[in-house]
PDB file of N, CA and C in Angstrom:
ATOM      1  N   MET A   1     123.286  23.019 -57.044  1.00  0.00           N
ATOM      2  CA  MET A   1     124.173  24.120 -57.349  1.00  0.00           C
ATOM      3  C   MET A   1     125.631  23.692 -57.220  1.00  0.00           C
ATOM      4  N   ILE A   2     125.966  23.028 -56.126  1.00  0.00           N
ATOM      5  CA  ILE A   2     127.348  22.603 -55.909  1.00  0.00           C
ATOM      6  C   ILE A   2     127.734  21.527 -56.914  1.00  0.00           C
ATOM      7  N   ALA A   3     126.808  20.625 -57.211  1.00  0.00           N
ATOM      8  CA  ALA A   3     127.104  19.582 -58.200  1.00  0.00           C
ATOM      9  C   ALA A   3     127.370  20.195 -59.567  1.00  0.00           C
ATOM     10  N   MET A   4     126.625  21.238 -59.899  1.00  0.00           N
ATOM     11  CA  MET A   4     126.824  21.912 -61.175  1.00  0.00           C
ATOM     12  C   MET A   4     128.204  22.569 -61.231  1.00  0.00           C
ATOM     13  N   LEU A   5     128.625  23.189 -60.135  1.00  0.00           N
ATOM     14  CA  LEU A   5     129.952  23.800 -60.075  1.00  0.00           C
ATOM     15  C   LEU A   5     131.046  22.755 -60.208  1.00  0.00           C
ATOM     16  N   LYS A   6     130.859  21.607 -59.551  1.00  0.00           N
ATOM     17  CA  LYS A   6     131.852  20.544 -59.648  1.00  0.00           C
ATOM     18  C   LYS A   6     131.965  20.036 -61.076  1.00  0.00           C
ATOM     19  N   LEU A   7     130.829  19.902 -61.765  1.00  0.00           N
ATOM     20  CA  LEU A   7     130.855  19.458 -63.157  1.00  0.00           C
ATOM     21  C   LEU A   7     131.581  20.463 -64.037  1.00  0.00           C
ATOM     22  N   ASN A   8     131.319  21.743 -63.820  1.00  0.00           N
ATOM     23  CA  ASN A   8     131.999  22.776 -64.603  1.00  0.00           C
ATOM     24  C   ASN A   8     133.499  22.762 -64.348  1.00  0.00           C
ATOM     25  N   LEU A   9     133.904  22.643 -63.088  1.00  0.00           N
ATOM     26  CA  LEU A   9     135.327  22.601 -62.767  1.00  0.00           C
ATOM     27  C   LEU A   9     135.984  21.368 -63.371  1.00  0.00           C
ATOM     28  N   LYS A  10     135.303  20.234 -63.284  1.00  0.00           N
ATOM     29  CA  LYS A  10     135.854  19.004 -63.855  1.00  0.00           C
ATOM     30  C   LYS A  10     136.025  19.158 -65.360  1.00  0.00           C
ATOM     31  N   LYS A  11     135.063  19.784 -66.018  1.00  0.00           N
ATOM     32  CA  LYS A  11     135.141  19.996 -67.462  1.00  0.00           C
ATOM     33  C   LYS A  11     136.361  20.830 -67.808  1.00  0.00           C
ATOM     34  N   TYR A  12     136.600  21.899 -67.056  1.00  0.00           N
ATOM     35  CA  TYR A  12     137.748  22.759 -67.342  1.00  0.00           C
ATOM     36  C   TYR A  12     139.063  22.051 -67.051  1.00  0.00           C
ATOM     37  N   TRP A  13     139.103  21.269 -65.991  1.00  0.00           N
ATOM     38  CA  TRP A  13     140.340  20.574 -65.658  1.00  0.00           C
ATOM     39  C   TRP A  13     140.674  19.515 -66.692  1.00  0.00           C
ATOM     40  N   THR A  14     139.662  18.810 -67.193  1.00  0.00           N
ATOM     41  CA  THR A  14     139.941  17.741 -68.149  1.00  0.00           C
ATOM     42  C   THR A  14     140.268  18.280 -69.526  1.00  0.00           C
ATOM     43  N   THR A  15     139.712  19.418 -69.910  1.00  0.00           N
ATOM     44  CA  THR A  15     140.003  19.960 -71.235  1.00  0.00           C
ATOM     45  C   THR A  15     141.227  20.859 -71.219  1.00  0.00           C
ATOM     46  N   GLY A  16     141.720  21.203 -70.049  1.00  0.00           N
ATOM     47  CA  GLY A  16     142.904  22.043 -69.953  1.00  0.00           C
ATOM     48  C   GLY A  16     142.618  23.518 -70.141  1.00  0.00           C
ATOM     49  N   GLN A  17     141.365  23.903 -70.077  1.00  0.00           N
ATOM     50  CA  GLN A  17     141.012  25.310 -70.242  1.00  0.00           C
ATOM     51  C   GLN A  17     140.995  25.993 -68.886  1.00  0.00           C
ATOM     52  N   SER A  18     141.167  27.285 -68.895  1.00  0.00           N
ATOM     53  CA  SER A  18     141.075  28.042 -67.654  1.00  0.00           C
ATOM     54  C   SER A  18     139.625  28.469 -67.445  1.00  0.00           C
ATOM     55  N   ALA A  19     139.335  28.897 -66.251  1.00  0.00           N
ATOM     56  CA  ALA A  19     137.969  29.311 -65.931  1.00  0.00           C
ATOM     57  C   ALA A  19     137.586  30.558 -66.725  1.00  0.00           C
ATOM     58  N   LEU A  20     136.320  30.682 -66.988  1.00  0.00           N
ATOM     59  CA  LEU A  20     135.794  31.828 -67.724  1.00  0.00           C
ATOM     60  C   LEU A  20     135.961  33.088 -66.885  1.00  0.00           C
ATOM     61  N   GLN A  21     136.484  34.120 -67.501  1.00  0.00           N
ATOM     62  CA  GLN A  21     136.672  35.381 -66.797  1.00  0.00           C
ATOM     63  C   GLN A  21     135.619  36.367 -67.273  1.00  0.00           C
ATOM     64  N   ARG A  22     134.967  37.008 -66.335  1.00  0.00           N
ATOM     65  CA  ARG A  22     133.973  38.019 -66.677  1.00  0.00           C
ATOM     66  C   ARG A  22     134.558  39.382 -66.339  1.00  0.00           C
ATOM     67  N   PHE A  23     134.476  40.290 -67.306  1.00  0.00           N
ATOM     68  CA  PHE A  23     135.059  41.605 -67.124  1.00  0.00           C
ATOM     69  C   PHE A  23     133.975  42.627 -66.846  1.00  0.00           C
ATOM     70  N   ASN A  24     134.333  43.669 -66.146  1.00  0.00           N
ATOM     71  CA  ASN A  24     133.400  44.708 -65.736  1.00  0.00           C
ATOM     72  C   ASN A  24     133.121  45.633 -66.923  1.00  0.00           C
ATOM     73  N   THR A  25     132.122  45.297 -67.710  1.00  0.00           N
ATOM     74  CA  THR A  25     131.792  46.077 -68.903  1.00  0.00           C
ATOM     75  C   THR A  25     130.953  47.304 -68.571  1.00  0.00           C
ATOM     76  N   ALA A  26     130.632  47.498 -67.296  1.00  0.00           N
ATOM     77  CA  ALA A  26     129.879  48.691 -66.900  1.00  0.00           C
ATOM     78  C   ALA A  26     130.703  49.954 -67.117  1.00  0.00           C
ATOM     79  N   PHE A  27     132.031  49.808 -67.213  1.00  0.00           N
ATOM     80  CA  PHE A  27     132.895  50.964 -67.452  1.00  0.00           C
ATOM     81  C   PHE A  27     132.807  51.469 -68.883  1.00  0.00           C
ATOM     82  N   LEU A  28     132.356  50.645 -69.818  1.00  0.00           N
ATOM     83  CA  LEU A  28     132.399  51.020 -71.227  1.00  0.00           C
ATOM     84  C   LEU A  28     131.543  52.229 -71.600  1.00  0.00           C
ATOM     85  N   PRO A  29     130.386  52.473 -70.989  1.00  0.00           N
ATOM     86  CA  PRO A  29     129.643  53.690 -71.351  1.00  0.00           C
ATOM     87  C   PRO A  29     130.378  54.983 -70.996  1.00  0.00           C
ATOM     88  N   HIS A  30     131.321  54.922 -70.067  1.00  0.00           N
ATOM     89  CA  HIS A  30     132.092  56.111 -69.711  1.00  0.00           C
ATOM     90  C   HIS A  30     133.076  56.414 -70.837  1.00  0.00           C
ATOM     91  N   THR A  31     133.068  57.628 -71.312  1.00  0.00           N
ATOM     92  CA  THR A  31     133.839  58.016 -72.488  1.00  0.00           C
ATOM     93  C   THR A  31     135.331  57.781 -72.303  1.00  0.00           C
ATOM     94  N   ASN A  32     135.867  58.117 -71.149  1.00  0.00           N
ATOM     95  CA  ASN A  32     137.306  57.951 -70.923  1.00  0.00           C
ATOM     96  C   ASN A  32     137.719  56.486 -70.983  1.00  0.00           C
ATOM     97  N   LYS A  33     136.965  55.620 -70.320  1.00  0.00           N
ATOM     98  CA  LYS A  33     137.291  54.193 -70.324  1.00  0.00           C
ATOM     99  C   LYS A  33     137.114  53.604 -71.716  1.00  0.00           C
ATOM    100  N   LEU A  34     136.089  54.043 -72.432  1.00  0.00           N
ATOM    101  CA  LEU A  34     135.850  53.536 -73.779  1.00  0.00           C
ATOM    102  C   LEU A  34     136.995  53.926 -74.705  1.00  0.00           C
ATOM    103  N   ASN A  35     137.445  55.163 -74.619  1.00  0.00           N
ATOM    104  CA  ASN A  35     138.576  55.609 -75.439  1.00  0.00           C
ATOM    105  C   ASN A  35     139.853  54.858 -75.078  1.00  0.00           C
ATOM    106  N   GLU A  36     140.081  54.665 -73.784  1.00  0.00           N
ATOM    107  CA  GLU A  36     141.260  53.914 -73.340  1.00  0.00           C
ATOM    108  C   GLU A  36     141.201  52.476 -73.856  1.00  0.00           C
ATOM    109  N   PHE A  37     140.006  51.883 -73.822  1.00  0.00           N
ATOM    110  CA  PHE A  37     139.812  50.516 -74.306  1.00  0.00           C
ATOM    111  C   PHE A  37     140.108  50.430 -75.807  1.00  0.00           C
ATOM    112  N   LYS A  38     139.597  51.379 -76.581  1.00  0.00           N
ATOM    113  CA  LYS A  38     139.816  51.377 -78.032  1.00  0.00           C
ATOM    114  C   LYS A  38     141.288  51.554 -78.382  1.00  0.00           C
ATOM    115  N   ILE A  39     141.951  52.478 -77.694  1.00  0.00           N
ATOM    116  CA  ILE A  39     143.367  52.733 -77.969  1.00  0.00           C
ATOM    117  C   ILE A  39     144.213  51.510 -77.606  1.00  0.00           C
ATOM    118  N   SER A  40     143.941  50.918 -76.454  1.00  0.00           N
ATOM    119  CA  SER A  40     144.690  49.733 -76.036  1.00  0.00           C
ATOM    120  C   SER A  40     144.467  48.579 -77.000  1.00  0.00           C
ATOM    121  N   LEU A  41     143.226  48.401 -77.410  1.00  0.00           N
ATOM    122  CA  LEU A  41     142.904  47.325 -78.350  1.00  0.00           C
ATOM    123  C   LEU A  41     143.625  47.532 -79.677  1.00  0.00           C
ATOM    124  N   ASN A  42     143.612  48.745 -80.176  1.00  0.00           N
ATOM    125  CA  ASN A  42     144.279  49.054 -81.432  1.00  0.00           C
ATOM    126  C   ASN A  42     145.786  48.828 -81.332  1.00  0.00           C
ATOM    127  N   ASN A  43     146.394  49.290 -80.244  1.00  0.00           N
ATOM    128  CA  ASN A  43     147.836  49.126 -80.061  1.00  0.00           C
ATOM    129  C   ASN A  43     148.239  47.660 -79.958  1.00  0.00           C
ATOM    130  N   ARG A  44     147.486  46.889 -79.184  1.00  0.00           N
ATOM    131  CA  ARG A  44     147.814  45.473 -79.007  1.00  0.00           C
ATOM    132  C   ARG A  44     147.741  44.721 -80.325  1.00  0.00           C
ATOM    133  N   PHE A  45     146.671  44.961 -81.066  1.00  0.00           N
ATOM    134  CA  PHE A  45     146.499  44.198 -82.297  1.00  0.00           C
ATOM    135  C   PHE A  45     147.416  44.682 -83.410  1.00  0.00           C
ATOM    136  N   GLN A  46     147.808  45.937 -83.394  1.00  0.00           N
ATOM    137  CA  GLN A  46     148.777  46.414 -84.383  1.00  0.00           C
ATOM    138  C   GLN A  46     150.131  45.755 -84.141  1.00  0.00           C
ATOM    139  N   ALA A  47     150.553  45.703 -82.883  1.00  0.00           N
ATOM    140  CA  ALA A  47     151.824  45.053 -82.544  1.00  0.00           C
ATOM    141  C   ALA A  47     151.768  43.565 -82.865  1.00  0.00           C
ATOM    142  N   LEU A  48     150.651  42.932 -82.573  1.00  0.00           N
ATOM    143  CA  LEU A  48     150.489  41.509 -82.860  1.00  0.00           C
ATOM    144  C   LEU A  48     150.488  41.252 -84.356  1.00  0.00           C
ATOM    145  N   GLN A  49     149.844  42.107 -85.109  1.00  0.00           N
ATOM    146  CA  GLN A  49     149.798  41.962 -86.560  1.00  0.00           C
ATOM    147  C   GLN A  49     151.194  42.102 -87.168  1.00  0.00           C
ATOM    148  N   ASP A  50     151.973  43.053 -86.684  1.00  0.00           N
ATOM    149  CA  ASP A  50     153.347  43.221 -87.163  1.00  0.00           C
ATOM    150  C   ASP A  50     154.190  41.991 -86.855  1.00  0.00           C
ATOM    151  N   LEU A  51     154.011  41.434 -85.669  1.00  0.00           N
ATOM    152  CA  LEU A  51     154.759  40.250 -85.269  1.00  0.00           C
ATOM    153  C   LEU A  51     154.397  39.047 -86.138  1.00  0.00           C
ATOM    154  N   LEU A  52     153.110  38.892 -86.428  1.00  0.00           N
ATOM    155  CA  LEU A  52     152.667  37.740 -87.209  1.00  0.00           C
ATOM    156  C   LEU A  52     153.102  37.828 -88.667  1.00  0.00           C
ATOM    157  N   LYS A  53     153.278  39.029 -89.184  1.00  0.00           N
ATOM    158  CA  LYS A  53     153.746  39.189 -90.560  1.00  0.00           C
ATOM    159  C   LYS A  53     155.184  38.704 -90.711  1.00  0.00           C
ATOM    160  N   GLU A  54     155.981  38.894 -89.660  1.00  0.00           N
ATOM    161  CA  GLU A  54     157.391  38.533 -89.712  1.00  0.00           C
ATOM    162  C   GLU A  54     157.621  37.034 -89.592  1.00  0.00           C
ATOM    163  N   GLU A  55     156.786  36.338 -88.853  1.00  0.00           N
ATOM    164  CA  GLU A  55     157.015  34.928 -88.551  1.00  0.00           C
ATOM    165  C   GLU A  55     156.047  34.031 -89.312  1.00  0.00           C
ATOM    166  N   GLU A  56     156.510  32.814 -89.566  1.00  0.00           N
ATOM    167  CA  GLU A  56     155.644  31.777 -90.122  1.00  0.00           C
ATOM    168  C   GLU A  56     155.001  31.049 -88.945  1.00  0.00           C
ATOM    169  N   THR A  57     153.712  31.227 -88.763  1.00  0.00           N
ATOM    170  CA  THR A  57     153.027  30.597 -87.638  1.00  0.00           C
ATOM    171  C   THR A  57     151.778  29.890 -88.131  1.00  0.00           C
ATOM    172  N   THR A  58     151.277  28.975 -87.302  1.00  0.00           N
ATOM    173  CA  THR A  58     150.048  28.261 -87.629  1.00  0.00           C
ATOM    174  C   THR A  58     148.852  29.054 -87.120  1.00  0.00           C
ATOM    175  N   MET A  59     147.683  28.649 -87.537  1.00  0.00           N
ATOM    176  CA  MET A  59     146.462  29.334 -87.111  1.00  0.00           C
ATOM    177  C   MET A  59     146.246  29.172 -85.609  1.00  0.00           C
ATOM    178  N   GLU A  60     146.613  28.017 -85.049  1.00  0.00           N
ATOM    179  CA  GLU A  60     146.468  27.804 -83.604  1.00  0.00           C
ATOM    180  C   GLU A  60     147.342  28.777 -82.817  1.00  0.00           C
ATOM    181  N   ASP A  61     148.578  28.960 -83.267  1.00  0.00           N
ATOM    182  CA  ASP A  61     149.477  29.904 -82.598  1.00  0.00           C
ATOM    183  C   ASP A  61     148.922  31.320 -82.680  1.00  0.00           C
ATOM    184  N   ASN A  62     148.402  31.675 -83.850  1.00  0.00           N
ATOM    185  CA  ASN A  62     147.817  33.007 -84.022  1.00  0.00           C
ATOM    186  C   ASN A  62     146.649  33.206 -83.071  1.00  0.00           C
ATOM    187  N   TRP A  63     145.791  32.205 -82.961  1.00  0.00           N
ATOM    188  CA  TRP A  63     144.619  32.327 -82.101  1.00  0.00           C
ATOM    189  C   TRP A  63     145.027  32.442 -80.635  1.00  0.00           C
ATOM    190  N   LYS A  64     146.044  31.687 -80.218  1.00  0.00           N
ATOM    191  CA  LYS A  64     146.524  31.790 -78.840  1.00  0.00           C
ATOM    192  C   LYS A  64     147.037  33.198 -78.554  1.00  0.00           C
ATOM    193  N   GLU A  65     147.797  33.749 -79.477  1.00  0.00           N
ATOM    194  CA  GLU A  65     148.341  35.104 -79.305  1.00  0.00           C
ATOM    195  C   GLU A  65     147.214  36.131 -79.212  1.00  0.00           C
ATOM    196  N   ILE A  66     146.221  36.006 -80.085  1.00  0.00           N
ATOM    197  CA  ILE A  66     145.096  36.943 -80.085  1.00  0.00           C
ATOM    198  C   ILE A  66     144.307  36.833 -78.789  1.00  0.00           C
ATOM    199  N   SER A  67     144.042  35.608 -78.361  1.00  0.00           N
ATOM    200  CA  SER A  67     143.284  35.381 -77.138  1.00  0.00           C
ATOM    201  C   SER A  67     144.018  35.940 -75.921  1.00  0.00           C
ATOM    202  N   GLU A  68     145.317  35.697 -75.827  1.00  0.00           N
ATOM    203  CA  GLU A  68     146.101  36.206 -74.703  1.00  0.00           C
ATOM    204  C   GLU A  68     146.162  37.732 -74.710  1.00  0.00           C
ATOM    205  N   ALA A  69     146.310  38.316 -75.889  1.00  0.00           N
ATOM    206  CA  ALA A  69     146.370  39.778 -75.985  1.00  0.00           C
ATOM    207  C   ALA A  69     145.048  40.406 -75.566  1.00  0.00           C
ATOM    208  N   LEU A  70     143.947  39.831 -76.014  1.00  0.00           N
ATOM    209  CA  LEU A  70     142.635  40.368 -75.674  1.00  0.00           C
ATOM    210  C   LEU A  70     142.352  40.231 -74.185  1.00  0.00           C
ATOM    211  N   THR A  71     142.679  39.078 -73.618  1.00  0.00           N
ATOM    212  CA  THR A  71     142.435  38.852 -72.197  1.00  0.00           C
ATOM    213  C   THR A  71     143.259  39.790 -71.330  1.00  0.00           C
ATOM    214  N   SER A  72     144.539  39.924 -71.637  1.00  0.00           N
ATOM    215  CA  SER A  72     145.382  40.795 -70.809  1.00  0.00           C
ATOM    216  C   SER A  72     144.969  42.259 -70.939  1.00  0.00           C
ATOM    217  N   MET A  73     144.552  42.661 -72.138  1.00  0.00           N
ATOM    218  CA  MET A  73     144.123  44.041 -72.340  1.00  0.00           C
ATOM    219  C   MET A  73     142.829  44.320 -71.569  1.00  0.00           C
ATOM    220  N   CYS A  74     141.906  43.382 -71.580  1.00  0.00           N
ATOM    221  CA  CYS A  74     140.657  43.554 -70.827  1.00  0.00           C
ATOM    222  C   CYS A  74     140.927  43.593 -69.325  1.00  0.00           C
ATOM    223  N   GLN A  75     141.875  42.785 -68.855  1.00  0.00           N
ATOM    224  CA  GLN A  75     142.213  42.805 -67.437  1.00  0.00           C
ATOM    225  C   GLN A  75     142.778  44.155 -67.030  1.00  0.00           C
ATOM    226  N   GLN A  76     143.602  44.742 -67.877  1.00  0.00           N
ATOM    227  CA  GLN A  76     144.202  46.029 -67.548  1.00  0.00           C
ATOM    228  C   GLN A  76     143.186  47.160 -67.579  1.00  0.00           C
ATOM    229  N   VAL A  77     142.361  47.202 -68.609  1.00  0.00           N
ATOM    230  CA  VAL A  77     141.467  48.345 -68.795  1.00  0.00           C
ATOM    231  C   VAL A  77     140.166  48.188 -68.017  1.00  0.00           C
ATOM    232  N   LEU A  78     139.541  47.030 -68.103  1.00  0.00           N
ATOM    233  CA  LEU A  78     138.208  46.866 -67.528  1.00  0.00           C
ATOM    234  C   LEU A  78     138.212  46.295 -66.118  1.00  0.00           C
ATOM    235  N   SER A  79     139.180  45.507 -65.762  1.00  0.00           N
ATOM    236  CA  SER A  79     139.280  44.764 -64.511  1.00  0.00           C
ATOM    237  C   SER A  79     138.214  43.667 -64.468  1.00  0.00           C
ATOM    238  N   LEU A  80     138.370  42.755 -63.539  1.00  0.00           N
ATOM    239  CA  LEU A  80     137.434  41.644 -63.430  1.00  0.00           C
ATOM    240  C   LEU A  80     136.142  42.095 -62.766  1.00  0.00           C
ATOM    241  N   LYS A  81     135.058  41.459 -63.157  1.00  0.00           N
ATOM    242  CA  LYS A  81     133.748  41.783 -62.602  1.00  0.00           C
ATOM    243  C   LYS A  81     133.639  41.168 -61.215  1.00  0.00           C
ATOM    244  N   LYS A  82     133.207  41.956 -60.264  1.00  0.00           N
ATOM    245  CA  LYS A  82     133.015  41.470 -58.902  1.00  0.00           C
ATOM    246  C   LYS A  82     131.521  41.311 -58.689  1.00  0.00           C
ATOM    247  N   HIS A  83     131.087  40.070 -58.646  1.00  0.00           N
ATOM    248  CA  HIS A  83     129.663  39.801 -58.507  1.00  0.00           C
ATOM    249  C   HIS A  83     129.473  38.834 -57.351  1.00  0.00           C
ATOM    250  N   PHE A  84     128.637  39.209 -56.444  1.00  0.00           N
ATOM    251  CA  PHE A  84     128.373  38.367 -55.303  1.00  0.00           C
ATOM    252  C   PHE A  84     126.985  37.758 -55.455  1.00  0.00           C
ATOM    253  N   TYR A  85     126.917  36.450 -55.332  1.00  0.00           N
ATOM    254  CA  TYR A  85     125.656  35.741 -55.472  1.00  0.00           C
ATOM    255  C   TYR A  85     124.975  35.610 -54.123  1.00  0.00           C
ATOM    256  N   LYS A  86     123.665  35.737 -54.144  1.00  0.00           N
ATOM    257  CA  LYS A  86     122.889  35.546 -52.925  1.00  0.00           C
ATOM    258  C   LYS A  86     122.626  34.060 -52.759  1.00  0.00           C
ATOM    259  N   GLU A  87     122.656  33.601 -51.530  1.00  0.00           N
ATOM    260  CA  GLU A  87     122.367  32.189 -51.278  1.00  0.00           C
ATOM    261  C   GLU A  87     121.004  32.032 -50.681  1.00  0.00           C
TER     262      GLU A  87
END
């Protein structure tokens, strides 16, 4: 188990990626959270789409912007999943 974790961490450090974030999707069946999620998602991507129309950007830049917008929106609305593993 520990060796597997070390391999995963080494992989992320060498590729320059951040650790995988798991969000608490248990909130989505609740109508209020689902509506808040949809509205936030729509607002973020509308603003991002307007910004991308104005500027000449590459596909990599676009993907970074989309990924950052989605991650930050999920952090605000859903929060991170708190999962405790049994040993």
